[in-house]
C-alpha cells in the first residue's frame, strides 16, 4: 500500500484535497468526502494499465502555492492541514 500526502483547503462551501505526490485533486462537502474522492481518483488511475504517456509527478512549490492561494485576494494567515493517507 502506498502512502500519499494530501493538502486540504476550503473553497467556498466545498473542501478541495490535493495529492502532493501526483497532483490529483478531489472535492467534497467535507474533508473526509474530498479525501474519499481523491482516493477514488488515485485508485482508478492506478487501475488503468496503459498510462505511461500521462504526466504524473510530485507537484512543485509554485503549484502548491497556487493551490493554497487560488481564492485569496491577498496573502492569508490561514492554517492548512497535511495528512498522510494510504491510497
Protein backbone atom coordinates (compact mmCIF):
# COMPACT_ATOMS: atom_id res chain seq x y z
CA UNK A 1 0.00 0.00 0.00
CA UNK A 2 1.30 3.45 -0.93
CA UNK A 3 1.13 6.46 1.39
CA UNK A 4 0.14 9.76 -0.23
CA UNK A 5 0.16 13.24 1.30
CA UNK A 6 -2.99 15.31 0.93
CA UNK A 7 -3.37 19.07 1.48
CA UNK A 8 -6.86 20.39 2.20
CA UNK A 9 -8.27 23.86 1.64
CA UNK A 10 -11.75 25.33 1.83
CA UNK A 11 -13.13 26.72 -1.42
CA UNK A 12 -16.50 28.44 -0.93
CA UNK A 13 -18.68 25.67 0.54
CA UNK A 14 -16.55 22.75 -0.64
CA UNK A 15 -13.29 21.21 0.54
CA UNK A 16 -10.58 20.50 -2.01
CA UNK A 17 -7.86 17.91 -1.41
CA UNK A 18 -4.62 17.89 -3.40
CA UNK A 19 -2.21 14.94 -3.52
CA UNK A 20 1.37 16.21 -3.34
CA UNK A 21 2.83 13.09 -4.93
CA UNK A 22 0.89 13.19 -8.19
CA UNK A 23 -1.12 16.44 -8.40
CA UNK A 24 -4.54 14.74 -8.39
CA UNK A 25 -7.43 16.56 -6.70
CA UNK A 26 -10.69 15.58 -5.05
CA UNK A 27 -13.59 17.73 -3.89
CA UNK A 28 -16.38 17.22 -1.37
CA UNK A 29 -18.64 18.87 1.18
CA UNK A 30 -16.33 17.67 4.00
CA UNK A 31 -12.62 16.90 4.30
CA UNK A 32 -13.49 13.21 4.52
CA UNK A 33 -15.55 13.39 1.33
CA UNK A 34 -12.77 15.25 -0.51
CA UNK A 35 -10.22 12.65 0.65
CA UNK A 36 -12.53 9.81 -0.44
CA UNK A 37 -12.95 11.32 -3.92
CA UNK A 38 -9.18 11.80 -4.20
CA UNK A 39 -8.56 8.20 -3.14
CA UNK A 40 -11.04 7.09 -5.83
CA UNK A 41 -9.21 9.14 -8.45
CA UNK A 42 -5.86 7.66 -7.46
CA UNK A 43 -7.26 4.10 -7.44
CA UNK A 44 -8.97 4.49 -10.81
CA UNK A 45 -5.80 5.90 -12.34
CA UNK A 46 -3.78 3.00 -10.92
CA UNK A 47 -6.32 0.54 -12.38
CA UNK A 48 -5.63 1.76 -15.92
CA UNK A 49 -2.98 -0.49 -17.40
CA UNK A 50 -1.65 1.91 -20.04
CA UNK A 51 -0.87 5.38 -18.72
CA UNK A 52 2.84 5.75 -19.49
CA UNK A 53 2.20 8.79 -21.68
CA UNK A 54 0.31 10.62 -18.89
CA UNK A 55 2.47 13.06 -16.95
CA UNK A 56 2.47 12.20 -13.24
CA UNK A 57 4.97 13.76 -10.86
CA UNK A 58 5.14 15.47 -7.48
CA UNK A 59 3.78 19.00 -7.61
CA UNK A 60 6.20 21.92 -7.48
CA UNK A 61 6.28 24.56 -4.75
CA UNK A 62 4.84 27.04 -7.25
CA UNK A 63 1.87 24.74 -7.91
CA UNK A 64 1.34 24.20 -4.17
CA UNK A 65 1.42 27.97 -3.58
CA UNK A 66 -1.11 28.47 -6.37
CA UNK A 67 -3.41 25.80 -4.89
CA UNK A 68 -3.28 27.34 -1.42
CA UNK A 69 -3.79 30.93 -2.55
CA UNK A 70 -6.14 30.45 -5.51
CA UNK A 71 -9.16 32.23 -3.99
CA UNK A 72 -7.22 34.67 -1.82
CA UNK A 73 -7.41 38.34 -2.77
CA UNK A 74 -4.42 39.00 -0.53
CA UNK A 75 -1.94 36.88 1.45
CA UNK A 76 -3.65 34.79 4.09
CA UNK A 77 -2.66 33.64 7.55
CA UNK A 78 -4.93 30.58 7.29
CA UNK A 79 -3.68 27.24 8.51
CA UNK A 80 -3.70 24.18 6.27
CA UNK A 81 -3.77 20.50 7.07
CA UNK A 82 -1.34 17.93 5.71
CA UNK A 83 -2.49 14.33 6.07
CA UNK A 84 -0.66 11.13 5.20
CA UNK A 85 -3.19 8.76 3.63
CA UNK A 86 -3.00 5.17 2.46
CA UNK A 87 -4.31 5.34 -1.09
